[in-house]
Amino acid sequence: MLADIQIKIQQHAFEFSEHALTQSIVRSIFLEEVYEAFAMAEIIEV
């Protein structure tokens, strides 16, 4: 499942919700940081 999400991120096949966009602006989170976070993501509990 995580691999499927990572592929969508790599293909830019996703959208930010209005809330996520607002929060990324408020918290100064750049799109590059989102890509990096998903690239390094791992499942810690199932």
N, C-alpha and C. Protein backbone atom coordinates (compact mmCIF):
# COMPACT_ATOMS: atom_id res chain seq x y z
N MET A 1 0.81 -1.19 0.00
CA MET A 1 0.00 0.00 0.00
C MET A 1 0.86 1.26 0.00
N LEU A 2 1.90 1.30 0.83
CA LEU A 2 2.78 2.47 0.86
C LEU A 2 3.45 2.66 -0.49
N ALA A 3 3.84 1.58 -1.14
CA ALA A 3 4.48 1.68 -2.45
C ALA A 3 3.53 2.31 -3.46
N ASP A 4 2.25 1.98 -3.39
CA ASP A 4 1.26 2.58 -4.29
C ASP A 4 1.16 4.09 -4.07
N ILE A 5 1.18 4.50 -2.82
CA ILE A 5 1.12 5.93 -2.50
C ILE A 5 2.37 6.63 -3.00
N GLN A 6 3.53 6.02 -2.78
CA GLN A 6 4.78 6.62 -3.22
C GLN A 6 4.82 6.77 -4.75
N ILE A 7 4.28 5.82 -5.46
CA ILE A 7 4.23 5.91 -6.93
C ILE A 7 3.35 7.09 -7.34
N LYS A 8 2.20 7.24 -6.68
CA LYS A 8 1.32 8.37 -7.01
C LYS A 8 2.01 9.70 -6.74
N ILE A 9 2.76 9.78 -5.67
CA ILE A 9 3.50 11.00 -5.35
C ILE A 9 4.53 11.28 -6.44
N GLN A 10 5.27 10.26 -6.84
CA GLN A 10 6.29 10.42 -7.88
C GLN A 10 5.68 10.87 -9.20
N GLN A 11 4.46 10.42 -9.47
CA GLN A 11 3.78 10.75 -10.72
C GLN A 11 2.97 12.06 -10.60
N HIS A 12 3.05 12.70 -9.43
CA HIS A 12 2.30 13.93 -9.17
C HIS A 12 0.79 13.69 -9.33
N ALA A 13 0.34 12.50 -8.97
CA ALA A 13 -1.07 12.12 -9.10
C ALA A 13 -1.78 12.24 -7.74
N PHE A 14 -1.76 13.43 -7.20
CA PHE A 14 -2.41 13.67 -5.92
C PHE A 14 -2.85 15.13 -5.87
N GLU A 15 -3.71 15.44 -4.91
CA GLU A 15 -4.18 16.80 -4.70
C GLU A 15 -4.13 17.10 -3.21
N PHE A 16 -3.88 18.35 -2.88
CA PHE A 16 -3.96 18.80 -1.50
C PHE A 16 -5.39 19.23 -1.21
N SER A 17 -5.88 18.88 -0.03
CA SER A 17 -7.17 19.42 0.40
C SER A 17 -6.95 20.90 0.74
N GLU A 18 -8.02 21.63 0.84
CA GLU A 18 -7.91 23.05 1.20
C GLU A 18 -7.25 23.19 2.57
N HIS A 19 -7.61 22.31 3.50
CA HIS A 19 -7.02 22.35 4.85
C HIS A 19 -5.52 22.07 4.79
N ALA A 20 -5.12 21.06 4.03
CA ALA A 20 -3.70 20.72 3.92
C ALA A 20 -2.92 21.87 3.29
N LEU A 21 -3.48 22.49 2.29
CA LEU A 21 -2.82 23.62 1.65
C LEU A 21 -2.66 24.78 2.63
N THR A 22 -3.73 25.09 3.36
CA THR A 22 -3.66 26.17 4.35
C THR A 22 -2.61 25.87 5.41
N GLN A 23 -2.61 24.66 5.92
CA GLN A 23 -1.66 24.30 6.95
C GLN A 23 -0.22 24.31 6.45
N SER A 24 -0.01 23.89 5.21
CA SER A 24 1.35 23.91 4.67
C SER A 24 1.85 25.34 4.54
N ILE A 25 0.97 26.27 4.23
CA ILE A 25 1.36 27.68 4.16
C ILE A 25 1.65 28.22 5.56
N VAL A 26 0.75 27.95 6.51
CA VAL A 26 0.92 28.43 7.88
C VAL A 26 2.22 27.88 8.48
N ARG A 27 2.53 26.63 8.20
CA ARG A 27 3.70 25.97 8.79
C ARG A 27 4.95 26.06 7.91
N SER A 28 4.84 26.76 6.80
CA SER A 28 5.97 26.93 5.87
C SER A 28 6.53 25.58 5.41
N ILE A 29 5.65 24.68 5.03
CA ILE A 29 6.05 23.38 4.51
C ILE A 29 6.04 23.47 2.99
N PHE A 30 7.19 23.23 2.38
CA PHE A 30 7.32 23.33 0.94
C PHE A 30 7.01 21.99 0.26
N LEU A 31 6.58 22.05 -0.98
CA LEU A 31 6.22 20.85 -1.72
C LEU A 31 7.39 19.87 -1.78
N GLU A 32 8.60 20.36 -1.91
CA GLU A 32 9.78 19.49 -1.94
C GLU A 32 9.90 18.67 -0.65
N GLU A 33 9.50 19.27 0.47
CA GLU A 33 9.54 18.56 1.75
C GLU A 33 8.49 17.45 1.80
N VAL A 34 7.36 17.69 1.17
CA VAL A 34 6.32 16.66 1.11
C VAL A 34 6.83 15.47 0.29
N TYR A 35 7.42 15.76 -0.86
CA TYR A 35 7.99 14.68 -1.69
C TYR A 35 9.04 13.89 -0.92
N GLU A 36 9.91 14.59 -0.23
CA GLU A 36 10.97 13.93 0.53
C GLU A 36 10.40 13.06 1.65
N ALA A 37 9.39 13.58 2.34
CA ALA A 37 8.78 12.81 3.43
C ALA A 37 8.16 11.52 2.92
N PHE A 38 7.45 11.59 1.80
CA PHE A 38 6.85 10.38 1.25
C PHE A 38 7.89 9.42 0.71
N ALA A 39 8.97 9.93 0.17
CA ALA A 39 10.03 9.07 -0.35
C ALA A 39 10.70 8.28 0.78
N MET A 40 10.75 8.88 1.95
CA MET A 40 11.43 8.25 3.09
C MET A 40 10.45 7.55 4.05
N ALA A 41 9.17 7.57 3.73
CA ALA A 41 8.14 7.04 4.62
C ALA A 41 8.28 5.53 4.82
N GLU A 42 7.84 5.10 5.98
CA GLU A 42 7.79 3.68 6.26
C GLU A 42 6.60 3.41 7.18
N ILE A 43 6.09 2.21 7.09
CA ILE A 43 4.97 1.81 7.95
C ILE A 43 5.57 1.34 9.27
N ILE A 44 5.11 1.91 10.37
CA ILE A 44 5.67 1.55 11.66
C ILE A 44 4.75 0.62 12.47
N GLU A 45 3.49 0.52 12.06
CA GLU A 45 2.56 -0.36 12.74
C GLU A 45 1.43 -0.72 11.81
N VAL A 46 1.02 -1.97 11.84
CA VAL A 46 -0.07 -2.42 10.98
C VAL A 46 -1.28 -2.72 11.80
